[in-house]
N, C-alpha and C. Protein backbone atom coordinates (compact mmCIF):
# COMPACT_ATOMS: atom_id res chain seq x y z
N MET A 1 108.08 92.24 99.57
CA MET A 1 107.65 93.26 98.59
C MET A 1 108.65 94.46 99.04
N ARG A 2 108.86 94.95 98.12
CA ARG A 2 110.06 96.30 98.00
C ARG A 2 109.16 97.70 98.48
N GLY A 3 109.85 98.86 98.87
CA GLY A 3 109.25 99.82 99.03
C GLY A 3 109.34 100.64 97.76
N ARG A 4 108.44 101.94 97.85
CA ARG A 4 108.79 102.65 96.41
C ARG A 4 109.97 103.14 96.21
N GLN A 5 110.40 103.76 97.23
CA GLN A 5 111.95 104.35 97.07
C GLN A 5 112.95 103.47 96.58
N SER A 6 113.48 102.30 97.44
CA SER A 6 114.17 101.36 97.25
C SER A 6 114.05 100.61 96.11
N SER A 7 112.69 100.62 95.65
CA SER A 7 112.17 100.05 94.15
C SER A 7 112.99 100.89 92.93
N GLU A 8 112.23 101.87 93.10
CA GLU A 8 112.56 103.14 92.16
C GLU A 8 114.24 103.08 91.75
N ALA A 9 114.65 102.89 92.73
CA ALA A 9 116.69 103.03 92.89
C ALA A 9 117.12 101.99 92.23
N SER A 10 116.55 100.83 91.99
CA SER A 10 117.10 99.53 92.28
C SER A 10 116.98 99.19 90.40
N PRO A 11 118.30 98.83 89.93
CA PRO A 11 118.45 98.40 88.68
C PRO A 11 117.59 97.04 88.56
N ASP A 12 117.12 96.16 89.47
CA ASP A 12 116.38 95.00 89.20
C ASP A 12 115.30 94.61 88.61
N VAL A 13 114.31 96.34 88.96
CA VAL A 13 112.89 96.49 88.71
C VAL A 13 112.76 97.18 87.79
N VAL A 14 111.90 97.35 87.27
CA VAL A 14 110.89 98.68 86.48
C VAL A 14 110.18 99.54 87.06
N THR A 15 109.82 100.62 87.36
CA THR A 15 108.49 101.17 87.66
C THR A 15 108.09 101.98 86.32
N GLY A 16 106.58 102.24 86.49
CA GLY A 16 106.03 103.25 85.32
C GLY A 16 104.20 103.12 85.10
N THR A 17 103.88 103.41 84.11
CA THR A 17 102.87 103.40 84.20
C THR A 17 101.84 102.19 83.34
N LEU A 18 101.09 101.61 83.71
CA LEU A 18 100.29 100.30 82.99
C LEU A 18 98.62 100.73 82.99
N THR A 19 98.08 100.11 81.58
CA THR A 19 96.86 100.39 81.84
C THR A 19 96.11 98.97 82.43
N VAL A 20 95.35 98.76 83.22
CA VAL A 20 94.71 97.44 83.66
C VAL A 20 93.36 97.94 83.44
N GLN A 21 92.63 97.32 82.42
CA GLN A 21 91.12 97.44 82.98
C GLN A 21 90.81 98.20 82.12
N SER A 22 91.45 99.20 81.43
CA SER A 22 91.10 100.39 80.83
C SER A 22 91.70 101.65 81.54
N HIS A 23 92.02 101.19 83.03
CA HIS A 23 92.60 102.42 84.29
C HIS A 23 94.08 102.37 84.21
N ASP A 24 94.61 103.82 84.15
CA ASP A 24 96.04 103.84 84.44
C ASP A 24 96.58 103.67 85.94
N VAL A 25 97.57 102.75 85.75
CA VAL A 25 98.10 102.22 87.36
C VAL A 25 99.52 102.58 87.24
N TYR A 26 99.90 103.07 88.43
CA TYR A 26 101.39 103.09 88.72
C TYR A 26 101.71 101.70 89.18
N ALA A 27 102.75 100.91 88.18
CA ALA A 27 103.05 99.71 88.38
C ALA A 27 104.57 99.85 88.74
N LEU A 28 104.87 98.72 89.63
CA LEU A 28 106.43 97.89 89.68
C LEU A 28 106.55 96.45 89.18
N ILE A 29 107.24 96.33 87.99
CA ILE A 29 107.64 95.17 87.30
C ILE A 29 108.95 94.40 88.21
N ASP A 30 108.31 93.23 88.81
CA ASP A 30 109.37 92.76 89.69
C ASP A 30 109.36 91.56 89.30
N PRO A 31 110.72 91.09 88.55
CA PRO A 31 110.94 89.84 88.26
C PRO A 31 110.98 88.81 89.65
N GLY A 32 111.69 89.12 90.09
CA GLY A 32 111.61 88.51 91.93
C GLY A 32 110.38 88.54 92.60
N SER A 33 109.45 88.58 91.90
CA SER A 33 108.42 88.59 92.66
C SER A 33 107.47 87.40 91.84
N THR A 34 106.97 86.32 92.65
CA THR A 34 106.13 85.44 91.50
C THR A 34 104.86 85.61 91.13
N LEU A 35 104.46 86.03 91.80
CA LEU A 35 102.86 86.34 91.44
C LEU A 35 102.78 87.87 91.46
N SER A 36 101.41 87.92 90.74
CA SER A 36 101.18 89.54 90.34
C SER A 36 100.07 90.47 91.24
N TYR A 37 100.26 91.31 92.06
CA TYR A 37 99.28 91.91 93.00
C TYR A 37 98.33 93.24 92.74
N VAL A 38 97.07 93.96 93.32
CA VAL A 38 96.70 94.68 93.11
C VAL A 38 96.35 95.46 94.35
N THR A 39 96.30 96.82 94.46
CA THR A 39 95.68 97.31 95.48
C THR A 39 93.99 97.43 95.51
N PRO A 40 93.43 97.47 96.58
CA PRO A 40 92.06 97.53 96.79
C PRO A 40 91.62 98.73 96.34
N TYR A 41 92.30 99.43 96.62
CA TYR A 41 91.96 101.09 96.06
C TYR A 41 91.96 100.94 94.21
N ALA A 42 92.91 100.47 93.63
CA ALA A 42 93.31 100.60 92.26
C ALA A 42 92.17 99.61 91.86
N SER A 43 91.96 98.56 92.18
CA SER A 43 90.59 97.18 92.17
C SER A 43 89.30 97.97 92.07
N LYS A 44 89.08 98.95 93.17
CA LYS A 44 87.90 99.05 92.99
C LYS A 44 86.94 99.87 91.59
N GLU A 45 88.31 100.36 90.71
CA GLU A 45 87.57 100.61 89.61
C GLU A 45 87.45 99.81 88.44
N PHE A 46 87.88 98.36 88.95
CA PHE A 46 87.40 97.37 88.00
C PHE A 46 85.95 97.04 88.20
N GLY A 47 85.33 97.27 89.14
CA GLY A 47 83.44 96.89 89.20
C GLY A 47 83.43 95.69 89.22
N ILE A 48 84.24 94.95 89.49
CA ILE A 48 83.86 93.27 89.66
C ILE A 48 84.58 92.89 91.13
N GLU A 49 83.87 91.78 91.40
CA GLU A 49 84.16 91.42 92.89
C GLU A 49 85.36 90.09 92.78
N PRO A 50 86.17 90.39 93.45
CA PRO A 50 87.45 89.13 93.01
C PRO A 50 86.58 87.69 93.78
N GLU A 51 87.63 86.72 92.70
CA GLU A 51 86.93 85.67 93.87
C GLU A 51 87.92 85.00 94.90
N GLN A 52 87.43 84.15 95.53
CA GLN A 52 88.13 83.95 97.05
C GLN A 52 89.52 82.73 96.47
N LEU A 53 90.31 82.70 96.78
CA LEU A 53 91.78 81.84 96.70
C LEU A 53 91.27 80.77 97.61
N HIS A 54 91.61 79.56 97.05
CA HIS A 54 91.58 78.33 97.46
C HIS A 54 92.01 78.37 98.87
N LYS A 55 93.62 78.87 98.28
CA LYS A 55 94.42 78.71 99.66
C LYS A 55 94.64 79.98 100.16
N PRO A 56 94.56 80.86 101.01
CA PRO A 56 94.95 82.36 101.32
C PRO A 56 96.11 82.08 101.42
N PHE A 57 97.24 82.82 101.67
CA PHE A 57 98.72 82.80 101.81
C PHE A 57 98.79 84.36 102.08
N SER A 58 100.52 84.19 103.15
CA SER A 58 100.89 85.32 104.04
C SER A 58 101.96 86.12 102.69
N VAL A 59 101.86 87.15 102.79
CA VAL A 59 102.92 87.84 101.60
C VAL A 59 103.85 88.74 102.83
N SER A 60 105.15 88.20 102.38
CA SER A 60 106.61 89.47 103.20
C SER A 60 106.41 90.73 102.95
N THR A 61 106.90 91.51 103.49
CA THR A 61 107.08 92.80 103.21
C THR A 61 108.52 93.08 103.83
N LEU A 62 109.25 94.03 103.08
CA LEU A 62 110.88 94.38 103.24
C LEU A 62 110.98 95.05 104.74
N VAL A 63 109.95 95.24 105.19
CA VAL A 63 110.04 95.73 106.78
C VAL A 63 109.75 94.94 107.57
N GLY A 64 109.32 93.54 107.40
CA GLY A 64 109.29 92.55 107.96
C GLY A 64 107.40 91.98 108.63
N GLU A 65 106.77 92.75 107.74
CA GLU A 65 105.31 92.64 107.98
C GLU A 65 104.84 91.32 106.87
N SER A 66 103.68 91.32 107.55
CA SER A 66 103.05 90.14 106.61
C SER A 66 101.45 90.54 106.61
N ILE A 67 101.20 90.33 105.14
CA ILE A 67 99.91 90.44 104.87
C ILE A 67 99.27 89.35 104.04
N MET A 68 97.87 89.21 104.65
CA MET A 68 97.46 88.31 103.69
C MET A 68 96.57 88.49 102.30
N ALA A 69 96.61 87.52 101.61
CA ALA A 69 96.54 87.46 100.52
C ALA A 69 94.94 86.42 100.41
N ILE A 70 94.11 86.96 100.06
CA ILE A 70 92.68 86.01 100.20
C ILE A 70 91.90 85.77 98.85
N ARG A 71 92.09 87.12 98.23
CA ARG A 71 91.54 87.29 96.96
C ARG A 71 92.26 87.58 95.65
N VAL A 72 91.55 87.11 94.55
CA VAL A 72 91.98 87.28 93.52
C VAL A 72 91.23 87.86 92.03
N TYR A 73 91.45 88.45 91.21
CA TYR A 73 90.67 88.84 90.10
C TYR A 73 91.61 88.06 88.70
N ARG A 74 90.96 87.06 88.23
CA ARG A 74 91.35 86.34 87.37
C ARG A 74 91.49 86.87 86.08
N ASN A 75 92.51 86.57 85.21
CA ASN A 75 92.15 86.99 83.70
C ASN A 75 92.17 88.30 83.61
N TYR A 76 92.84 89.04 84.22
CA TYR A 76 92.46 90.90 83.87
C TYR A 76 93.77 91.49 82.68
N VAL A 77 92.95 92.21 81.68
CA VAL A 77 93.61 92.83 80.76
C VAL A 77 94.55 93.72 81.32
N ASP A 78 95.93 93.47 80.96
CA ASP A 78 97.04 94.69 80.81
C ASP A 78 97.36 95.09 79.75
N MET A 79 97.53 96.36 79.56
CA MET A 79 98.30 96.75 78.23
C MET A 79 99.85 96.84 78.34
N MET A 80 100.57 96.76 77.48
CA MET A 80 101.83 97.04 77.26
C MET A 80 102.09 97.45 76.25
N HIS A 81 102.77 98.58 76.28
CA HIS A 81 103.00 99.39 74.91
C HIS A 81 102.51 98.85 73.44
N GLY A 82 100.88 98.98 73.83
CA GLY A 82 99.79 98.83 72.84
C GLY A 82 99.58 97.04 72.95
N TRP A 83 99.90 96.33 73.79
CA TRP A 83 99.75 94.81 73.56
C TRP A 83 98.77 94.67 74.80
N ASP A 84 97.54 93.93 74.79
CA ASP A 84 97.18 93.46 75.77
C ASP A 84 97.50 91.86 76.06
N THR A 85 97.78 92.14 77.15
CA THR A 85 98.60 90.87 78.24
C THR A 85 97.23 90.43 79.21
N MET A 86 97.34 89.06 79.94
CA MET A 86 96.72 88.86 80.74
C MET A 86 97.33 88.62 81.86
N ALA A 87 96.86 88.65 83.18
CA ALA A 87 97.52 88.19 84.56
C ALA A 87 96.24 88.03 85.50
N ASP A 88 96.71 87.39 86.24
CA ASP A 88 95.93 86.86 87.73
C ASP A 88 96.50 88.18 88.86
N LEU A 89 95.46 88.76 89.47
CA LEU A 89 95.88 90.33 90.08
C LEU A 89 95.22 89.93 91.60
N ILE A 90 96.32 89.39 92.32
CA ILE A 90 96.00 88.88 93.89
C ILE A 90 96.10 90.29 94.35
N LYS A 91 94.35 90.72 95.08
CA LYS A 91 94.17 91.91 95.81
C LYS A 91 95.03 91.82 97.07
N LEU A 92 95.95 92.96 97.47
CA LEU A 92 96.83 92.91 98.54
C LEU A 92 96.92 94.72 99.00
N GLY A 93 96.52 94.53 100.34
CA GLY A 93 96.78 95.74 100.87
C GLY A 93 98.33 96.19 101.03
N MET A 94 98.71 96.90 100.07
CA MET A 94 100.06 97.89 99.67
C MET A 94 99.64 99.51 99.55
N VAL A 95 100.46 99.90 99.74
CA VAL A 95 100.50 101.62 99.34
C VAL A 95 101.67 102.02 98.44
N ASP A 96 102.40 101.24 98.21
CA ASP A 96 103.47 102.10 97.07
C ASP A 96 103.45 101.96 96.07
N PHE A 97 102.42 101.33 95.43
CA PHE A 97 102.38 101.09 93.97
C PHE A 97 100.83 100.42 93.75
N ASP A 98 100.30 100.56 92.81
CA ASP A 98 98.62 100.11 92.31
C ASP A 98 98.93 98.84 91.78
N VAL A 99 100.03 98.20 91.50
CA VAL A 99 100.28 97.13 91.06
C VAL A 99 101.58 96.49 90.72
N ILE A 100 101.61 95.20 91.34
CA ILE A 100 103.09 94.79 91.44
C ILE A 100 102.97 93.62 90.30
N MET A 101 103.65 93.76 89.11
CA MET A 101 103.69 92.39 87.88
C MET A 101 104.93 91.80 88.03
N GLY A 102 104.38 90.83 88.49
CA GLY A 102 105.60 89.63 88.94
C GLY A 102 105.82 88.99 87.28
N ILE A 103 106.47 87.73 87.87
CA ILE A 103 107.39 86.89 86.74
C ILE A 103 106.18 85.74 86.04
N ASP A 104 105.06 85.69 86.90
CA ASP A 104 103.83 84.94 85.85
C ASP A 104 103.66 85.62 85.19
N TRP A 105 103.19 87.11 85.30
CA TRP A 105 103.05 87.94 84.17
C TRP A 105 103.94 88.15 83.09
N LEU A 106 104.84 88.26 83.68
CA LEU A 106 106.35 88.20 82.55
C LEU A 106 106.26 87.10 81.60
N TYR A 107 106.29 86.29 82.04
CA TYR A 107 106.07 84.76 81.50
C TYR A 107 105.17 84.85 80.51
N SER A 108 103.67 85.52 80.73
CA SER A 108 102.88 85.25 79.76
C SER A 108 102.85 86.28 78.87
N CYS A 109 103.77 87.62 78.75
CA CYS A 109 104.59 88.42 77.73
C CYS A 109 105.16 87.60 76.95
N PHE A 110 105.95 86.61 77.27
CA PHE A 110 106.96 85.76 76.57
C PHE A 110 108.13 87.08 76.45
N ALA A 111 108.73 87.48 77.92
CA ALA A 111 109.44 88.57 78.08
C ALA A 111 110.84 87.48 78.44
N LYS A 112 111.50 87.97 78.17
CA LYS A 112 113.51 87.21 78.44
C LYS A 112 113.93 88.17 79.44
N VAL A 113 114.20 87.70 80.67
CA VAL A 113 115.29 88.33 81.73
C VAL A 113 116.36 87.96 81.29
N ASP A 114 117.29 88.79 81.13
CA ASP A 114 118.91 88.85 80.95
C ASP A 114 119.50 89.19 82.47
N CYS A 115 120.39 88.06 82.69
CA CYS A 115 120.58 88.51 84.21
C CYS A 115 122.02 88.58 84.06
């Protein structure tokens, strides 16, 4: 997982505002991330409890820390340029972004990553 300063300076990712469940959130769109994540702070606005993951897993950060992923919000509506898309958002204790949208979400948007 990237930090905010290194992510905003990187040509490999995009940062900006997305609408998730009718709430504006600060997002990192990272094709290098396999999954998509949401902070507990942003997800408290959803008003719904997340599901327990069948198999919790550890997510590594750039500073070498590991954070356990235990819960997921399934099929949440994200809006990008007026288009509704769906994503599973894994609840993760992070501080730099409200959400990180990974390749799973980009795939659901039929996005093409031109390397």
